[in-house]
């Protein structure tokens, strides 16, 4: 009997420790050392070059507005897939969805995105008390944060986790790549190596080559 009493005492002590331990400390440590990608427990799927062919729509888009965890996008051009609407809605991070936060995509910013279409209702995906915070409507799109699913677009060039970049790095050091070159890769017209070379070309060397070519033309 004494043995069981000792075991019971130890068990109650452990339960009391778990019950009255400071829950904020563990949460703070987790938040400090985690990323949005880690908090949703997804694995890195690869750079844009790796993941774009899994998506339903690859498009150059401009953010026109947003509300809650959604943003509206103007479709500037389609690199792959079909979409007949000039404007589409994109649903981003909420709850434990593995998606980037809507605040990353400000109005008038321009991107190339590899998007997934929402094709089925998700239980609990819509709360009438918070209609602007949702999994997303049927026919709309969502953007995964588990890979390089989006690239920033400046004029006719893109930057971001394009090809062979470090995991979870959204703005790696790289040479901006022409949108037309990226489109050619998505179509299968150029190789991954050609895309990689373009992203790692020394911009100073390229400028020197252009200057040299200009000098030779003028000297003739």
N, C-alpha and C. Protein backbone atom coordinates (compact mmCIF):
# COMPACT_ATOMS: atom_id res chain seq x y z
N UNK A 1 0.82 -1.20 0.00
CA UNK A 1 0.00 0.00 0.00
C UNK A 1 0.86 1.26 0.00
N UNK A 2 1.94 1.18 0.78
CA UNK A 2 2.82 2.36 0.85
C UNK A 2 3.40 2.67 -0.52
N UNK A 3 3.74 1.60 -1.27
CA UNK A 3 4.32 1.78 -2.61
C UNK A 3 3.35 2.52 -3.52
N UNK A 4 2.07 2.11 -3.47
CA UNK A 4 1.08 2.77 -4.32
C UNK A 4 0.85 4.21 -3.90
N UNK A 5 0.95 4.44 -2.56
CA UNK A 5 0.78 5.81 -2.07
C UNK A 5 1.88 6.71 -2.58
N UNK A 6 3.12 6.21 -2.61
CA UNK A 6 4.25 6.99 -3.12
C UNK A 6 4.07 7.30 -4.60
N UNK A 7 3.66 6.29 -5.37
CA UNK A 7 3.45 6.49 -6.81
C UNK A 7 2.35 7.52 -7.05
N UNK A 8 1.28 7.43 -6.24
CA UNK A 8 0.20 8.39 -6.40
C UNK A 8 0.65 9.80 -6.09
N UNK A 9 1.51 9.93 -5.07
CA UNK A 9 2.03 11.24 -4.69
C UNK A 9 2.88 11.84 -5.80
N UNK A 10 3.73 11.01 -6.42
CA UNK A 10 4.58 11.47 -7.52
C UNK A 10 3.73 11.91 -8.71
N UNK A 11 2.70 11.11 -9.00
CA UNK A 11 1.82 11.43 -10.14
C UNK A 11 1.11 12.76 -9.94
N UNK A 12 0.59 12.97 -8.70
CA UNK A 12 -0.09 14.23 -8.42
C UNK A 12 0.86 15.41 -8.51
N UNK A 13 2.11 15.21 -8.09
CA UNK A 13 3.12 16.27 -8.17
C UNK A 13 3.40 16.67 -9.60
N UNK A 14 3.53 15.64 -10.47
CA UNK A 14 3.79 15.92 -11.89
C UNK A 14 2.62 16.65 -12.52
N UNK A 15 1.39 16.22 -12.18
CA UNK A 15 0.21 16.87 -12.74
C UNK A 15 0.13 18.32 -12.31
N UNK A 16 0.49 18.58 -11.06
CA UNK A 16 0.46 19.95 -10.57
C UNK A 16 1.47 20.81 -11.29
N UNK A 17 2.65 20.23 -11.58
CA UNK A 17 3.69 20.97 -12.30
C UNK A 17 3.22 21.35 -13.69
N UNK A 18 2.58 20.37 -14.38
CA UNK A 18 2.09 20.63 -15.74
C UNK A 18 0.94 21.63 -15.73
N UNK A 19 0.10 21.54 -14.70
CA UNK A 19 -1.08 22.40 -14.66
C UNK A 19 -0.73 23.84 -14.38
N UNK A 20 0.23 24.05 -13.45
CA UNK A 20 0.52 25.41 -13.02
C UNK A 20 1.79 25.98 -13.62
N UNK A 21 2.39 25.27 -14.58
CA UNK A 21 3.56 25.82 -15.26
C UNK A 21 3.16 27.04 -16.06
N UNK A 22 4.09 27.95 -16.27
CA UNK A 22 3.82 29.19 -16.99
C UNK A 22 3.64 28.89 -18.47
N UNK A 23 2.41 28.97 -19.03
CA UNK A 23 2.20 28.63 -20.44
C UNK A 23 2.77 29.68 -21.37
N UNK A 24 2.92 30.90 -20.89
CA UNK A 24 3.39 31.96 -21.76
C UNK A 24 4.84 31.80 -22.14
N UNK A 25 5.63 31.19 -21.28
CA UNK A 25 7.07 31.06 -21.54
C UNK A 25 7.32 30.18 -22.75
N UNK A 26 6.67 29.01 -22.77
CA UNK A 26 6.86 28.10 -23.89
C UNK A 26 6.36 28.73 -25.18
N UNK A 27 5.21 29.42 -25.09
CA UNK A 27 4.65 30.05 -26.29
C UNK A 27 5.58 31.13 -26.81
N UNK A 28 6.15 31.93 -25.89
CA UNK A 28 7.05 33.00 -26.31
C UNK A 28 8.29 32.44 -26.98
N UNK A 29 8.84 31.36 -26.42
CA UNK A 29 10.03 30.77 -27.00
C UNK A 29 9.73 30.21 -28.37
N UNK A 30 8.56 29.57 -28.51
CA UNK A 30 8.19 29.03 -29.81
C UNK A 30 8.02 30.13 -30.84
N UNK A 31 7.33 31.21 -30.45
CA UNK A 31 7.09 32.32 -31.38
C UNK A 31 8.39 32.98 -31.78
N UNK A 32 9.34 33.09 -30.83
CA UNK A 32 10.60 33.76 -31.11
C UNK A 32 11.44 32.99 -32.10
N UNK A 33 11.39 31.66 -32.03
CA UNK A 33 12.28 30.83 -32.84
C UNK A 33 11.60 30.22 -34.04
N UNK A 34 10.36 30.61 -34.32
CA UNK A 34 9.64 30.00 -35.42
C UNK A 34 9.36 31.00 -36.51
N UNK A 35 8.93 30.49 -37.65
CA UNK A 35 8.51 31.32 -38.77
C UNK A 35 7.06 30.94 -39.09
N UNK A 36 6.34 31.75 -39.90
CA UNK A 36 4.99 31.34 -40.29
C UNK A 36 4.97 29.97 -40.94
N UNK A 37 6.03 29.66 -41.71
CA UNK A 37 6.09 28.37 -42.36
C UNK A 37 6.21 27.25 -41.33
N UNK A 38 7.04 27.49 -40.28
CA UNK A 38 7.24 26.46 -39.26
C UNK A 38 6.00 26.29 -38.41
N UNK A 39 5.27 27.37 -38.14
CA UNK A 39 4.11 27.29 -37.26
C UNK A 39 3.01 26.44 -37.84
N UNK A 40 2.95 26.31 -39.16
CA UNK A 40 1.93 25.47 -39.77
C UNK A 40 2.46 24.08 -40.08
N UNK A 41 3.71 23.81 -39.72
CA UNK A 41 4.30 22.48 -39.81
C UNK A 41 4.37 21.94 -41.25
N UNK A 42 4.72 22.79 -42.19
CA UNK A 42 4.89 22.30 -43.55
C UNK A 42 6.38 22.19 -43.88
N UNK A 43 6.70 21.33 -44.81
CA UNK A 43 8.07 21.15 -45.26
C UNK A 43 8.32 22.04 -46.47
N UNK A 44 9.58 22.45 -46.65
CA UNK A 44 9.95 23.26 -47.80
C UNK A 44 9.85 22.43 -49.07
N UNK A 45 9.10 22.92 -50.06
CA UNK A 45 8.84 22.18 -51.28
C UNK A 45 9.76 22.56 -52.43
N UNK A 46 10.50 23.64 -52.28
CA UNK A 46 11.44 24.03 -53.31
C UNK A 46 11.25 25.46 -53.78
N UNK A 47 12.18 25.91 -54.62
CA UNK A 47 12.11 27.25 -55.19
C UNK A 47 10.99 27.32 -56.24
N UNK A 48 10.77 28.53 -56.76
CA UNK A 48 9.71 28.72 -57.75
C UNK A 48 9.87 27.76 -58.93
N UNK A 49 11.11 27.56 -59.36
CA UNK A 49 11.35 26.66 -60.49
C UNK A 49 10.89 25.24 -60.20
N UNK A 50 10.89 24.85 -58.92
CA UNK A 50 10.48 23.50 -58.54
C UNK A 50 8.97 23.36 -58.37
N UNK A 51 8.33 24.41 -57.85
CA UNK A 51 6.93 24.26 -57.45
C UNK A 51 5.93 24.79 -58.46
N UNK A 52 6.36 25.62 -59.40
CA UNK A 52 5.39 26.28 -60.28
C UNK A 52 4.56 25.30 -61.10
N UNK A 53 5.15 24.14 -61.46
CA UNK A 53 4.40 23.21 -62.30
C UNK A 53 3.32 22.45 -61.53
N UNK A 54 3.30 22.58 -60.19
CA UNK A 54 2.25 21.93 -59.40
C UNK A 54 1.00 22.80 -59.30
N UNK A 55 1.15 24.08 -59.54
CA UNK A 55 0.07 25.04 -59.32
C UNK A 55 -0.94 25.00 -60.46
N UNK A 56 -2.15 25.50 -60.16
CA UNK A 56 -3.20 25.54 -61.18
C UNK A 56 -3.06 26.75 -62.09
N UNK A 57 -2.48 27.83 -61.58
CA UNK A 57 -2.36 29.05 -62.36
C UNK A 57 -1.05 29.73 -62.02
N UNK A 58 -0.26 30.05 -63.02
CA UNK A 58 0.96 30.84 -62.86
C UNK A 58 0.75 32.13 -63.62
N UNK A 59 0.76 33.25 -62.91
CA UNK A 59 0.38 34.52 -63.53
C UNK A 59 1.16 35.69 -62.97
N UNK A 60 1.34 36.70 -63.81
CA UNK A 60 1.85 38.00 -63.37
C UNK A 60 0.64 38.82 -62.94
N UNK A 61 0.67 39.34 -61.72
CA UNK A 61 -0.51 39.99 -61.15
C UNK A 61 -0.13 41.30 -60.46
N UNK A 62 -1.13 42.13 -60.26
CA UNK A 62 -1.00 43.37 -59.50
C UNK A 62 -2.06 43.39 -58.41
N UNK A 63 -1.65 43.72 -57.18
CA UNK A 63 -2.59 43.77 -56.06
C UNK A 63 -3.42 45.05 -56.18
N UNK A 64 -4.74 44.90 -56.19
CA UNK A 64 -5.62 46.06 -56.32
C UNK A 64 -6.33 46.43 -55.02
N UNK A 65 -6.30 45.56 -54.04
CA UNK A 65 -6.95 45.85 -52.77
C UNK A 65 -7.00 44.61 -51.91
N UNK A 66 -7.57 44.74 -50.73
CA UNK A 66 -7.66 43.58 -49.85
C UNK A 66 -8.52 43.85 -48.64
N UNK A 67 -8.95 42.76 -48.01
CA UNK A 67 -9.75 42.86 -46.80
C UNK A 67 -9.62 41.55 -46.04
N UNK A 68 -9.38 41.65 -44.72
CA UNK A 68 -9.20 40.44 -43.94
C UNK A 68 -7.96 39.69 -44.40
N UNK A 69 -8.11 38.39 -44.64
CA UNK A 69 -6.97 37.61 -45.12
C UNK A 69 -7.04 37.35 -46.62
N UNK A 70 -7.72 38.25 -47.34
CA UNK A 70 -7.78 38.11 -48.80
C UNK A 70 -7.27 39.36 -49.48
N UNK A 71 -6.77 39.19 -50.70
CA UNK A 71 -6.40 40.33 -51.54
C UNK A 71 -6.99 40.09 -52.93
N UNK A 72 -7.30 41.18 -53.60
CA UNK A 72 -7.78 41.10 -54.98
C UNK A 72 -6.62 41.38 -55.93
N UNK A 73 -6.56 40.60 -56.99
CA UNK A 73 -5.46 40.69 -57.95
C UNK A 73 -5.99 40.97 -59.35
N UNK A 74 -5.33 41.89 -60.04
CA UNK A 74 -5.56 42.07 -61.47
C UNK A 74 -4.61 41.15 -62.21
N UNK A 75 -5.13 40.36 -63.11
CA UNK A 75 -4.30 39.43 -63.87
C UNK A 75 -3.69 40.17 -65.06
N UNK A 76 -2.39 40.40 -65.00
CA UNK A 76 -1.70 41.13 -66.07
C UNK A 76 -1.35 40.22 -67.24
N UNK A 77 -0.88 39.02 -66.94
CA UNK A 77 -0.58 38.04 -67.98
C UNK A 77 -0.55 36.66 -67.35
N UNK A 78 -0.87 35.66 -68.14
CA UNK A 78 -0.87 34.27 -67.66
C UNK A 78 0.30 33.53 -68.27
N UNK A 79 1.12 32.95 -67.42
CA UNK A 79 2.27 32.18 -67.89
C UNK A 79 1.87 30.73 -68.14
N UNK A 80 0.96 30.22 -67.32
CA UNK A 80 0.43 28.88 -67.52
C UNK A 80 -0.91 28.75 -66.80
N UNK A 81 -1.81 27.99 -67.40
CA UNK A 81 -3.13 27.79 -66.81
C UNK A 81 -4.20 28.61 -67.53
N UNK A 82 -5.42 28.52 -67.02
CA UNK A 82 -6.55 29.23 -67.61
C UNK A 82 -7.29 30.03 -66.54
N UNK A 83 -7.56 31.27 -66.86
CA UNK A 83 -8.38 32.12 -66.01
C UNK A 83 -8.97 33.20 -66.90
N UNK A 84 -10.31 33.26 -66.95
CA UNK A 84 -10.97 34.17 -67.86
C UNK A 84 -11.36 35.49 -67.20
N UNK A 85 -11.27 35.56 -65.89
CA UNK A 85 -11.59 36.79 -65.19
C UNK A 85 -10.38 37.72 -65.14
N UNK A 86 -10.63 38.99 -65.31
CA UNK A 86 -9.55 39.97 -65.24
C UNK A 86 -9.10 40.22 -63.80
N UNK A 87 -9.99 39.95 -62.85
CA UNK A 87 -9.68 40.13 -61.44
C UNK A 87 -10.00 38.84 -60.69
N UNK A 88 -9.10 38.42 -59.79
CA UNK A 88 -9.30 37.20 -59.01
C UNK A 88 -9.06 37.51 -57.54
N UNK A 89 -9.61 36.68 -56.68
CA UNK A 89 -9.40 36.86 -55.24
C UNK A 89 -8.46 35.77 -54.71
N UNK A 90 -7.53 36.21 -53.88
CA UNK A 90 -6.52 35.32 -53.30
C UNK A 90 -6.67 35.32 -51.79
N UNK A 91 -6.76 34.12 -51.21
CA UNK A 91 -6.91 33.97 -49.76
C UNK A 91 -5.57 33.57 -49.15
N UNK A 92 -5.22 34.27 -48.06
CA UNK A 92 -3.89 34.11 -47.48
C UNK A 92 -3.98 33.60 -46.04
N UNK A 93 -2.98 33.89 -45.22
CA UNK A 93 -2.85 33.24 -43.92
C UNK A 93 -3.98 33.59 -42.95
N UNK A 94 -4.50 32.54 -42.32
CA UNK A 94 -5.46 32.65 -41.21
C UNK A 94 -5.41 31.30 -40.50
N UNK A 95 -5.70 31.33 -39.21
CA UNK A 95 -5.67 30.10 -38.41
C UNK A 95 -4.33 29.40 -38.61
N UNK A 96 -4.34 28.10 -38.97
CA UNK A 96 -3.08 27.38 -39.16
C UNK A 96 -2.83 27.08 -40.64
N UNK A 97 -3.45 27.88 -41.54
CA UNK A 97 -3.22 27.66 -42.97
C UNK A 97 -1.78 28.00 -43.32
N UNK A 98 -1.15 27.17 -44.12
CA UNK A 98 0.24 27.39 -44.51
C UNK A 98 0.31 28.35 -45.70
N UNK A 99 0.11 29.62 -45.40
CA UNK A 99 0.07 30.66 -46.43
C UNK A 99 0.78 31.90 -45.90
N UNK A 100 1.29 32.75 -46.78
CA UNK A 100 1.89 34.01 -46.32
C UNK A 100 0.82 34.96 -45.81
N UNK A 101 1.24 35.93 -45.01
CA UNK A 101 0.32 36.91 -44.45
C UNK A 101 -0.09 37.93 -45.50
N UNK A 102 -1.33 38.37 -45.44
CA UNK A 102 -1.85 39.33 -46.43
C UNK A 102 -1.09 40.65 -46.40
N UNK A 103 -0.50 41.00 -45.26
CA UNK A 103 0.22 42.28 -45.16
C UNK A 103 1.47 42.31 -46.03
N UNK A 104 1.92 41.16 -46.51
CA UNK A 104 3.09 41.12 -47.38
C UNK A 104 2.79 41.64 -48.78
N UNK A 105 1.51 41.75 -49.12
CA UNK A 105 1.13 42.08 -50.49
C UNK A 105 0.32 43.38 -50.49
N UNK A 106 1.04 44.47 -50.49
CA UNK A 106 0.42 45.79 -50.39
C UNK A 106 -0.23 46.18 -51.72
N UNK A 107 -1.16 47.13 -51.65
CA UNK A 107 -1.84 47.60 -52.85
C UNK A 107 -0.84 48.15 -53.85
N UNK A 108 -1.06 47.82 -55.11
CA UNK A 108 -0.25 48.24 -56.27
C UNK A 108 1.07 47.50 -56.40
N UNK A 109 1.40 46.60 -55.47
CA UNK A 109 2.60 45.79 -55.64
C UNK A 109 2.36 44.75 -56.73
N UNK A 110 3.43 44.34 -57.39
CA UNK A 110 3.30 43.44 -58.53
C UNK A 110 4.11 42.17 -58.30
N UNK A 111 3.56 41.06 -58.75
CA UNK A 111 4.13 39.75 -58.42
C UNK A 111 3.96 38.78 -59.58
N UNK A 112 4.72 37.71 -59.51
CA UNK A 112 4.42 36.50 -60.28
C UNK A 112 4.11 35.43 -59.25
N UNK A 113 2.95 34.80 -59.37
CA UNK A 113 2.50 33.85 -58.36
C UNK A 113 2.11 32.52 -58.99
N UNK A 114 2.40 31.45 -58.25
CA UNK A 114 1.94 30.11 -58.61
C UNK A 114 0.81 29.77 -57.65
N UNK A 115 -0.42 29.76 -58.14
CA UNK A 115 -1.61 29.72 -57.30
C UNK A 115 -2.36 28.40 -57.41
N UNK A 116 -2.99 28.02 -56.30
CA UNK A 116 -3.86 26.86 -56.27
C UNK A 116 -5.32 27.33 -56.25
N UNK A 117 -6.15 26.69 -57.06
CA UNK A 117 -7.58 27.03 -57.09
C UNK A 117 -8.30 26.27 -55.97
N UNK A 118 -9.23 26.95 -55.31
CA UNK A 118 -10.04 26.33 -54.28
C UNK A 118 -11.20 25.60 -54.96
N UNK A 119 -11.22 24.29 -54.85
CA UNK A 119 -12.19 23.49 -55.59
C UNK A 119 -13.19 22.76 -54.70
N UNK A 120 -13.03 22.84 -53.37
CA UNK A 120 -13.98 22.17 -52.48
C UNK A 120 -14.13 22.93 -51.18
N UNK A 121 -15.29 22.77 -50.58
CA UNK A 121 -15.55 23.39 -49.29
C UNK A 121 -14.75 22.69 -48.20
N UNK A 122 -14.27 23.46 -47.25
CA UNK A 122 -13.51 22.92 -46.13
C UNK A 122 -14.33 23.09 -44.86
N UNK A 123 -14.53 22.03 -44.08
CA UNK A 123 -15.30 22.17 -42.83
C UNK A 123 -14.68 23.24 -41.93
N UNK A 124 -15.50 24.18 -41.49
CA UNK A 124 -15.01 25.25 -40.64
C UNK A 124 -14.25 26.33 -41.38
N UNK A 125 -14.25 26.26 -42.71
CA UNK A 125 -13.50 27.22 -43.49
C UNK A 125 -14.13 28.59 -43.58
N UNK A 126 -15.42 28.68 -43.24
CA UNK A 126 -16.10 29.98 -43.27
C UNK A 126 -16.82 30.20 -41.96
N UNK A 127 -16.58 31.36 -41.35
CA UNK A 127 -17.24 31.73 -40.10
C UNK A 127 -18.07 32.99 -40.37
N UNK A 128 -19.41 32.90 -40.28
CA UNK A 128 -20.24 34.08 -40.57
C UNK A 128 -19.98 35.24 -39.62
N UNK A 129 -19.37 34.96 -38.45
CA UNK A 129 -19.05 36.03 -37.51
C UNK A 129 -17.83 36.83 -37.98
N UNK A 130 -16.97 36.20 -38.78
CA UNK A 130 -15.79 36.89 -39.33
C UNK A 130 -15.71 36.57 -40.82
N UNK A 131 -16.62 37.11 -41.62
CA UNK A 131 -16.70 36.74 -43.04
C UNK A 131 -15.46 37.09 -43.85
N UNK A 132 -14.67 38.04 -43.38
CA UNK A 132 -13.47 38.43 -44.12
C UNK A 132 -12.24 37.61 -43.73
N UNK A 133 -12.41 36.71 -42.77
CA UNK A 133 -11.35 35.79 -42.39
C UNK A 133 -11.84 34.40 -42.73
N UNK A 134 -11.30 33.82 -43.78
CA UNK A 134 -11.87 32.58 -44.29
C UNK A 134 -10.82 31.74 -44.98
N UNK A 135 -11.13 30.45 -45.12
CA UNK A 135 -10.29 29.57 -45.94
C UNK A 135 -10.33 30.03 -47.38
N UNK A 136 -11.50 30.48 -47.83
CA UNK A 136 -11.64 30.96 -49.20
C UNK A 136 -12.88 30.39 -49.87
N UNK A 137 -13.36 31.10 -50.88
CA UNK A 137 -14.56 30.69 -51.60
C UNK A 137 -14.21 29.75 -52.73
N UNK A 138 -15.17 28.93 -53.12
CA UNK A 138 -14.99 28.07 -54.28
C UNK A 138 -14.69 28.92 -55.52
N UNK A 139 -13.69 28.51 -56.29
CA UNK A 139 -13.33 29.23 -57.50
C UNK A 139 -12.27 30.28 -57.28
N UNK A 140 -12.04 30.68 -56.02
CA UNK A 140 -10.95 31.61 -55.71
C UNK A 140 -9.63 30.83 -55.63
N UNK A 141 -8.58 31.52 -55.20
CA UNK A 141 -7.26 30.91 -55.15
C UNK A 141 -6.63 31.07 -53.76
N UNK A 142 -5.65 30.21 -53.48
CA UNK A 142 -4.81 30.42 -52.30
C UNK A 142 -3.35 30.26 -52.69
N UNK A 143 -2.47 30.81 -51.85
CA UNK A 143 -1.04 30.84 -52.11
C UNK A 143 -0.33 30.11 -50.97
N UNK A 144 0.43 29.09 -51.30
CA UNK A 144 1.16 28.33 -50.29
C UNK A 144 2.42 29.06 -49.85
N UNK A 145 2.76 28.92 -48.55
CA UNK A 145 4.01 29.49 -48.05
C UNK A 145 5.09 28.43 -47.92
N UNK A 146 4.82 27.22 -48.40
CA UNK A 146 5.74 26.10 -48.19
C UNK A 146 6.79 25.96 -49.29
N UNK A 147 6.98 27.00 -50.06
CA UNK A 147 7.98 27.00 -51.13
C UNK A 147 8.06 28.38 -51.74
N UNK A 148 8.82 28.49 -52.81
CA UNK A 148 8.97 29.80 -53.47
C UNK A 148 7.84 30.07 -54.43
N UNK A 149 6.62 30.14 -53.93
CA UNK A 149 5.44 30.25 -54.77
C UNK A 149 5.18 31.65 -55.29
N UNK A 150 5.95 32.63 -54.86
CA UNK A 150 5.74 33.98 -55.38
C UNK A 150 7.08 34.69 -55.58
N UNK A 151 7.10 35.56 -56.58
CA UNK A 151 8.27 36.36 -56.92
C UNK A 151 7.84 37.81 -57.05
N UNK A 152 8.67 38.71 -56.58
CA UNK A 152 8.35 40.13 -56.73
C UNK A 152 8.72 40.59 -58.13
N UNK A 153 7.89 41.48 -58.66
CA UNK A 153 8.08 41.94 -60.05
C UNK A 153 8.33 43.44 -60.07
N UNK A 154 9.42 43.83 -60.70
CA UNK A 154 9.76 45.24 -60.89
C UNK A 154 9.90 45.47 -62.39
N UNK A 155 8.99 46.25 -62.95
CA UNK A 155 8.98 46.47 -64.40
C UNK A 155 8.89 45.12 -65.11
N UNK A 156 9.91 44.75 -65.88
CA UNK A 156 9.85 43.50 -66.62
C UNK A 156 10.79 42.44 -66.05
N UNK A 157 11.15 42.57 -64.77
CA UNK A 157 12.08 41.62 -64.13
C UNK A 157 11.51 41.12 -62.82
N UNK A 158 11.95 39.93 -62.41
CA UNK A 158 11.47 39.32 -61.17
C UNK A 158 12.65 38.97 -60.26
N UNK A 159 12.38 38.98 -58.96
CA UNK A 159 13.35 38.55 -57.97
C UNK A 159 12.63 37.71 -56.92
N UNK A 160 13.40 36.92 -56.17
CA UNK A 160 12.81 36.10 -55.12
C UNK A 160 13.44 34.73 -55.10
N UNK A 161 12.77 33.80 -54.45
CA UNK A 161 13.29 32.43 -54.35
C UNK A 161 12.99 31.71 -55.66
N UNK A 162 13.79 32.03 -56.66
CA UNK A 162 13.52 31.59 -58.03
C UNK A 162 14.03 30.18 -58.32
N UNK A 163 15.33 29.97 -58.06
CA UNK A 163 15.92 28.67 -58.40
C UNK A 163 17.14 28.43 -57.52
N UNK A 164 17.19 27.26 -56.89
CA UNK A 164 18.33 26.85 -56.06
C UNK A 164 18.68 27.87 -54.98
N UNK A 165 17.71 28.57 -54.46
CA UNK A 165 17.96 29.54 -53.39
C UNK A 165 17.81 28.84 -52.04
N UNK A 166 18.37 29.41 -50.96
CA UNK A 166 18.25 28.79 -49.64
C UNK A 166 16.79 28.64 -49.22
N UNK A 167 16.51 27.61 -48.44
CA UNK A 167 15.16 27.38 -47.96
C UNK A 167 14.66 28.54 -47.11
N UNK A 168 13.40 28.89 -47.31
CA UNK A 168 12.70 29.93 -46.56
C UNK A 168 13.24 31.33 -46.81
N UNK A 169 14.21 31.47 -47.70
CA UNK A 169 14.76 32.79 -48.02
C UNK A 169 13.88 33.41 -49.10
N UNK A 170 13.23 34.52 -48.75
CA UNK A 170 12.30 35.16 -49.70
C UNK A 170 12.98 36.20 -50.58
N UNK A 171 14.07 36.76 -50.13
CA UNK A 171 14.76 37.78 -50.90
C UNK A 171 16.25 37.46 -50.99
N UNK A 172 16.61 36.37 -51.62
CA UNK A 172 18.04 36.01 -51.74
C UNK A 172 18.76 36.99 -52.67
N UNK A 173 20.06 37.08 -52.49
CA UNK A 173 20.85 37.90 -53.40
C UNK A 173 20.88 37.22 -54.76
N UNK A 174 20.48 37.96 -55.78
CA UNK A 174 20.42 37.39 -57.12
C UNK A 174 20.36 38.51 -58.14
N UNK A 175 20.62 38.16 -59.37
CA UNK A 175 20.42 39.10 -60.48
C UNK A 175 18.96 39.03 -60.91
N UNK A 176 18.26 40.16 -61.01
CA UNK A 176 16.87 40.12 -61.49
C UNK A 176 16.80 39.44 -62.86
N UNK A 177 15.77 38.63 -63.03
CA UNK A 177 15.60 37.84 -64.26
C UNK A 177 14.43 38.40 -65.05
N UNK A 178 14.60 38.48 -66.35
CA UNK A 178 13.54 38.98 -67.22
C UNK A 178 12.29 38.12 -67.09
N UNK A 179 11.13 38.78 -67.03
CA UNK A 179 9.86 38.06 -66.97
C UNK A 179 9.68 37.17 -68.19
N UNK A 180 10.10 37.64 -69.35
CA UNK A 180 10.00 36.83 -70.57
C UNK A 180 10.82 35.55 -70.47
N UNK A 181 11.98 35.63 -69.81
CA UNK A 181 12.81 34.45 -69.63
C UNK A 181 12.13 33.46 -68.69
N UNK A 182 11.53 33.98 -67.62
CA UNK A 182 10.79 33.11 -66.71
C UNK A 182 9.62 32.45 -67.42
N UNK A 183 8.92 33.23 -68.24
CA UNK A 183 7.79 32.67 -68.98
C UNK A 183 8.25 31.55 -69.91
N UNK A 184 9.42 31.72 -70.51
CA UNK A 184 9.96 30.69 -71.39
C UNK A 184 10.26 29.41 -70.60
N UNK A 185 10.74 29.57 -69.37
CA UNK A 185 11.00 28.39 -68.54
C UNK A 185 9.69 27.69 -68.18
N UNK A 186 8.68 28.46 -67.81
CA UNK A 186 7.39 27.87 -67.45
C UNK A 186 6.80 27.11 -68.63
N UNK A 187 6.99 27.64 -69.83
CA UNK A 187 6.50 26.95 -71.04
C UNK A 187 7.33 25.72 -71.39
N UNK A 188 8.52 25.62 -70.82
CA UNK A 188 9.41 24.51 -71.15
C UNK A 188 10.34 24.80 -72.30
N UNK A 189 10.48 26.07 -72.67
CA UNK A 189 11.32 26.43 -73.82
C UNK A 189 12.80 26.56 -73.47
N UNK A 190 13.12 26.81 -72.21
CA UNK A 190 14.52 26.88 -71.79
C UNK A 190 14.70 25.98 -70.57
N UNK A 191 15.95 25.66 -70.29
CA UNK A 191 16.26 24.71 -69.22
C UNK A 191 16.34 25.41 -67.86
N UNK A 192 16.31 24.60 -66.83
CA UNK A 192 16.50 25.09 -65.47
C UNK A 192 17.89 25.71 -65.32
N UNK A 193 18.87 25.11 -65.97
CA UNK A 193 20.24 25.62 -65.88
C UNK A 193 20.34 27.02 -66.48
N UNK A 194 19.64 27.25 -67.58
CA UNK A 194 19.65 28.58 -68.20
C UNK A 194 19.03 29.60 -67.25
N UNK A 195 17.97 29.20 -66.56
CA UNK A 195 17.33 30.09 -65.59
C UNK A 195 18.28 30.36 -64.42
N UNK A 196 18.95 29.32 -63.96
CA UNK A 196 19.88 29.47 -62.85
C UNK A 196 21.04 30.39 -63.22
N UNK A 197 21.57 30.22 -64.41
CA UNK A 197 22.68 31.07 -64.86
C UNK A 197 22.25 32.53 -64.94
N UNK A 198 21.04 32.76 -65.43
CA UNK A 198 20.54 34.13 -65.53
C UNK A 198 20.41 34.78 -64.16
N UNK A 199 20.01 33.99 -63.16
CA UNK A 199 19.81 34.53 -61.81
C UNK A 199 21.13 34.75 -61.07
N UNK A 200 22.21 34.12 -61.56
CA UNK A 200 23.49 34.24 -60.88
C UNK A 200 24.53 35.01 -61.69
N UNK A 201 24.10 35.58 -62.79
CA UNK A 201 25.02 36.35 -63.60
C UNK A 201 25.47 37.59 -62.83
N UNK A 202 26.74 37.90 -62.93
CA UNK A 202 27.30 39.07 -62.25
C UNK A 202 26.80 40.33 -62.96
N UNK A 203 25.99 41.15 -62.31
CA UNK A 203 25.44 42.33 -62.98
C UNK A 203 26.53 43.30 -63.44
N UNK A 204 27.63 43.40 -62.68
CA UNK A 204 28.72 44.29 -63.08
C UNK A 204 29.38 43.79 -64.35
N UNK A 205 29.57 42.47 -64.45
CA UNK A 205 30.16 41.88 -65.66
C UNK A 205 29.23 42.07 -66.84
N UNK A 206 27.93 41.89 -66.63
CA UNK A 206 26.98 42.08 -67.72
C UNK A 206 27.00 43.52 -68.22
N UNK A 207 27.07 44.47 -67.28
CA UNK A 207 27.11 45.88 -67.66
C UNK A 207 28.38 46.17 -68.46
N UNK A 208 29.50 45.57 -68.04
CA UNK A 208 30.75 45.75 -68.76
C UNK A 208 30.65 45.20 -70.19
N UNK A 209 30.01 44.04 -70.32
CA UNK A 209 29.85 43.44 -71.64
C UNK A 209 28.98 44.32 -72.54
N UNK A 210 27.91 44.87 -71.97
CA UNK A 210 27.05 45.75 -72.75
C UNK A 210 27.79 47.01 -73.18
N UNK A 211 28.57 47.58 -72.25
CA UNK A 211 29.34 48.77 -72.58
C UNK A 211 30.36 48.47 -73.67
N UNK A 212 30.98 47.29 -73.60
CA UNK A 212 31.98 46.91 -74.60
C UNK A 212 31.32 46.74 -75.96
N UNK A 213 30.15 46.11 -75.98
CA UNK A 213 29.44 45.92 -77.25
C UNK A 213 29.08 47.27 -77.86
N UNK A 214 28.62 48.20 -77.04
CA UNK A 214 28.27 49.54 -77.50
C UNK A 214 29.50 50.25 -78.06
N UNK A 215 30.63 50.11 -77.38
CA UNK A 215 31.87 50.76 -77.81
C UNK A 215 32.30 50.20 -79.18
N UNK A 216 32.20 48.86 -79.34
CA UNK A 216 32.61 48.25 -80.60
C UNK A 216 31.71 48.69 -81.74
N UNK A 217 30.42 48.84 -81.49
CA UNK A 217 29.51 49.29 -82.55
C UNK A 217 29.83 50.71 -82.97
N UNK A 218 30.13 51.57 -81.99
CA UNK A 218 30.44 52.96 -82.31
C UNK A 218 31.79 53.10 -83.01
N UNK A 219 32.70 52.17 -82.77
CA UNK A 219 34.04 52.25 -83.35
C UNK A 219 34.05 51.80 -84.81
N UNK A 220 33.02 51.11 -85.25
CA UNK A 220 33.00 50.62 -86.63
C UNK A 220 32.67 51.74 -87.61
